[in-house]
């Protein structure tokens, strides 16, 4: 999936990038682990692409730290 430089993603698009269930995603949003969405209308919530890219970078860094700890 090609991600544009800026804009918004709907939840189904976010979950293609961060492969977790909807329940896990919303629990992460509530706990502050995942970014909050922006409500565009009563039925439409979107996430900023910048926030999702930052989350991917953060998750990659956390995974790298854990791998290094186990190896070293």
N, C-alpha and C. Protein backbone atom coordinates (compact mmCIF):
# COMPACT_ATOMS: atom_id res chain seq x y z
N UNK A 1 0.85 -1.19 0.00
CA UNK A 1 0.00 0.00 0.00
C UNK A 1 0.89 1.24 0.00
N UNK A 2 0.72 2.10 -0.98
CA UNK A 2 1.45 3.36 -1.03
C UNK A 2 0.73 4.37 -0.14
N UNK A 3 1.48 4.98 0.76
CA UNK A 3 0.91 5.96 1.68
C UNK A 3 1.31 7.34 1.19
N UNK A 4 0.33 8.22 0.98
CA UNK A 4 0.65 9.60 0.57
C UNK A 4 1.47 10.32 1.65
N UNK A 5 2.09 11.41 1.28
CA UNK A 5 2.90 12.19 2.23
C UNK A 5 2.06 12.83 3.33
N UNK A 6 0.85 13.27 2.98
CA UNK A 6 -0.01 13.93 3.97
C UNK A 6 -1.45 13.61 3.64
N UNK A 7 -2.31 13.87 4.60
CA UNK A 7 -3.73 13.59 4.42
C UNK A 7 -4.25 12.75 5.57
N UNK A 8 -5.29 11.99 5.29
CA UNK A 8 -5.96 11.21 6.31
C UNK A 8 -6.20 9.78 5.84
N UNK A 9 -6.32 8.87 6.81
CA UNK A 9 -6.65 7.48 6.53
C UNK A 9 -7.87 7.07 7.34
N UNK A 10 -8.73 6.27 6.73
CA UNK A 10 -9.84 5.67 7.47
C UNK A 10 -9.30 4.46 8.23
N UNK A 11 -10.11 3.95 9.17
CA UNK A 11 -9.65 2.88 10.04
C UNK A 11 -9.21 1.64 9.26
N UNK A 12 -9.96 1.22 8.25
CA UNK A 12 -9.57 0.03 7.50
C UNK A 12 -8.19 0.19 6.86
N UNK A 13 -7.87 1.40 6.41
CA UNK A 13 -6.55 1.65 5.84
C UNK A 13 -5.47 1.62 6.92
N UNK A 14 -5.78 2.19 8.08
CA UNK A 14 -4.83 2.17 9.20
C UNK A 14 -4.52 0.72 9.57
N UNK A 15 -5.55 -0.13 9.62
CA UNK A 15 -5.36 -1.51 10.04
C UNK A 15 -4.63 -2.36 9.00
N UNK A 16 -4.53 -1.88 7.78
CA UNK A 16 -3.68 -2.55 6.78
C UNK A 16 -2.21 -2.26 7.06
N UNK A 17 -1.95 -1.13 7.70
CA UNK A 17 -0.58 -0.73 8.01
C UNK A 17 -0.16 -1.27 9.39
N UNK A 18 -1.05 -1.15 10.36
CA UNK A 18 -0.83 -1.64 11.72
C UNK A 18 -1.76 -2.85 11.88
N UNK A 19 -1.27 -4.06 11.68
CA UNK A 19 -2.16 -5.23 11.62
C UNK A 19 -2.63 -5.72 13.00
N UNK A 20 -3.58 -4.99 13.56
CA UNK A 20 -4.21 -5.39 14.82
C UNK A 20 -5.72 -5.37 14.61
N UNK A 21 -6.45 -5.94 15.56
CA UNK A 21 -7.91 -5.94 15.45
C UNK A 21 -8.45 -4.55 15.78
N UNK A 22 -9.70 -4.32 15.42
CA UNK A 22 -10.34 -3.03 15.75
C UNK A 22 -10.38 -2.82 17.25
N UNK A 23 -10.67 -3.90 17.99
CA UNK A 23 -10.73 -3.79 19.46
C UNK A 23 -9.37 -3.40 20.02
N UNK A 24 -8.31 -4.05 19.55
CA UNK A 24 -6.96 -3.71 20.00
C UNK A 24 -6.62 -2.27 19.64
N UNK A 25 -7.01 -1.84 18.43
CA UNK A 25 -6.73 -0.47 18.01
C UNK A 25 -7.41 0.52 18.95
N UNK A 26 -8.71 0.34 19.17
CA UNK A 26 -9.44 1.30 20.00
C UNK A 26 -8.98 1.26 21.46
N UNK A 27 -8.58 0.08 21.96
CA UNK A 27 -8.01 0.02 23.30
C UNK A 27 -6.70 0.79 23.36
N UNK A 28 -5.90 0.69 22.29
CA UNK A 28 -4.64 1.44 22.21
C UNK A 28 -4.87 2.94 22.13
N UNK A 29 -5.92 3.35 21.44
CA UNK A 29 -6.26 4.77 21.37
C UNK A 29 -6.65 5.27 22.77
N UNK A 30 -7.49 4.49 23.45
CA UNK A 30 -7.93 4.88 24.80
C UNK A 30 -6.75 4.97 25.78
N UNK A 31 -5.80 4.04 25.65
CA UNK A 31 -4.67 4.01 26.58
C UNK A 31 -3.59 5.04 26.22
N UNK A 32 -3.67 5.61 25.00
CA UNK A 32 -2.67 6.58 24.57
C UNK A 32 -1.53 5.96 23.77
N UNK A 33 -1.53 4.65 23.59
CA UNK A 33 -0.47 3.99 22.80
C UNK A 33 -0.60 4.33 21.33
N UNK A 34 -1.81 4.44 20.82
CA UNK A 34 -2.08 4.77 19.42
C UNK A 34 -2.69 6.16 19.34
N UNK A 35 -2.50 6.87 18.23
CA UNK A 35 -3.02 8.24 18.11
C UNK A 35 -4.55 8.28 18.05
N UNK A 36 -5.10 9.37 18.55
CA UNK A 36 -6.54 9.58 18.48
C UNK A 36 -6.94 9.98 17.07
N UNK A 37 -8.14 9.58 16.70
CA UNK A 37 -8.67 9.95 15.40
C UNK A 37 -9.30 11.33 15.42
N UNK A 38 -9.63 11.80 14.26
CA UNK A 38 -10.31 13.09 14.09
C UNK A 38 -11.69 12.80 13.53
N UNK A 39 -12.71 13.25 14.22
CA UNK A 39 -14.08 13.02 13.77
C UNK A 39 -14.45 14.07 12.73
N UNK A 40 -14.67 13.62 11.49
CA UNK A 40 -15.07 14.54 10.43
C UNK A 40 -16.58 14.73 10.38
N UNK A 41 -17.31 13.70 10.76
CA UNK A 41 -18.77 13.77 10.83
C UNK A 41 -19.22 12.74 11.85
N UNK A 42 -20.50 12.59 12.01
CA UNK A 42 -21.03 11.65 12.99
C UNK A 42 -20.52 10.23 12.74
N UNK A 43 -20.36 9.85 11.49
CA UNK A 43 -19.99 8.47 11.15
C UNK A 43 -18.59 8.31 10.57
N UNK A 44 -17.83 9.37 10.48
CA UNK A 44 -16.51 9.29 9.85
C UNK A 44 -15.42 9.77 10.80
N UNK A 45 -14.49 8.85 11.09
CA UNK A 45 -13.31 9.17 11.89
C UNK A 45 -12.10 8.85 11.02
N UNK A 46 -11.12 9.73 11.03
CA UNK A 46 -9.90 9.54 10.24
C UNK A 46 -8.68 9.76 11.14
N UNK A 47 -7.53 9.27 10.65
CA UNK A 47 -6.27 9.47 11.34
C UNK A 47 -5.31 10.18 10.42
N UNK A 48 -4.54 11.11 10.97
CA UNK A 48 -3.55 11.83 10.18
C UNK A 48 -2.45 10.87 9.74
N UNK A 49 -2.08 10.92 8.47
CA UNK A 49 -1.03 10.06 7.94
C UNK A 49 0.27 10.27 8.71
N UNK A 50 0.58 11.51 9.06
CA UNK A 50 1.79 11.81 9.82
C UNK A 50 1.81 11.05 11.15
N UNK A 51 0.66 11.00 11.83
CA UNK A 51 0.58 10.29 13.11
C UNK A 51 0.81 8.79 12.93
N UNK A 52 0.26 8.23 11.87
CA UNK A 52 0.42 6.80 11.61
C UNK A 52 1.86 6.48 11.24
N UNK A 53 2.49 7.32 10.42
CA UNK A 53 3.89 7.10 10.07
C UNK A 53 4.78 7.18 11.32
N UNK A 54 4.50 8.13 12.20
CA UNK A 54 5.27 8.24 13.44
C UNK A 54 5.07 7.01 14.31
N UNK A 55 3.86 6.48 14.34
CA UNK A 55 3.59 5.27 15.12
C UNK A 55 4.37 4.08 14.55
N UNK A 56 4.40 3.94 13.24
CA UNK A 56 5.15 2.85 12.62
C UNK A 56 6.63 2.97 13.00
N UNK A 57 7.18 4.17 12.92
CA UNK A 57 8.58 4.39 13.27
C UNK A 57 8.83 4.01 14.73
N UNK A 58 7.93 4.43 15.61
CA UNK A 58 8.06 4.12 17.04
C UNK A 58 8.01 2.61 17.28
N UNK A 59 7.08 1.91 16.63
CA UNK A 59 6.96 0.47 16.80
C UNK A 59 8.20 -0.25 16.27
N UNK A 60 8.74 0.23 15.16
CA UNK A 60 9.96 -0.36 14.61
C UNK A 60 11.13 -0.18 15.57
N UNK A 61 11.24 1.01 16.15
CA UNK A 61 12.32 1.28 17.10
C UNK A 61 12.19 0.40 18.34
N UNK A 62 10.96 0.25 18.86
CA UNK A 62 10.73 -0.60 20.03
C UNK A 62 11.09 -2.05 19.71
N UNK A 63 10.72 -2.52 18.54
CA UNK A 63 11.02 -3.89 18.15
C UNK A 63 12.53 -4.08 18.02
N UNK A 64 13.21 -3.09 17.46
CA UNK A 64 14.66 -3.18 17.32
C UNK A 64 15.37 -3.24 18.65
N UNK A 65 14.89 -2.49 19.63
CA UNK A 65 15.48 -2.50 20.96
C UNK A 65 15.32 -3.88 21.58
N UNK A 66 14.14 -4.47 21.46
CA UNK A 66 13.91 -5.78 22.06
C UNK A 66 14.77 -6.86 21.41
N UNK A 67 14.94 -6.78 20.11
CA UNK A 67 15.77 -7.75 19.40
C UNK A 67 17.22 -7.61 19.86
N UNK A 68 17.71 -6.39 19.96
CA UNK A 68 19.10 -6.17 20.40
C UNK A 68 19.31 -6.65 21.82
N UNK A 69 18.32 -6.45 22.70
CA UNK A 69 18.45 -6.88 24.09
C UNK A 69 18.57 -8.40 24.18
N UNK A 70 17.80 -9.11 23.36
CA UNK A 70 17.83 -10.58 23.40
C UNK A 70 19.11 -11.13 22.79
N UNK A 71 19.62 -10.46 21.76
CA UNK A 71 20.84 -10.94 21.09
C UNK A 71 22.05 -10.62 21.94
N UNK A 72 22.12 -9.40 22.45
CA UNK A 72 23.30 -8.94 23.18
C UNK A 72 23.25 -9.37 24.57
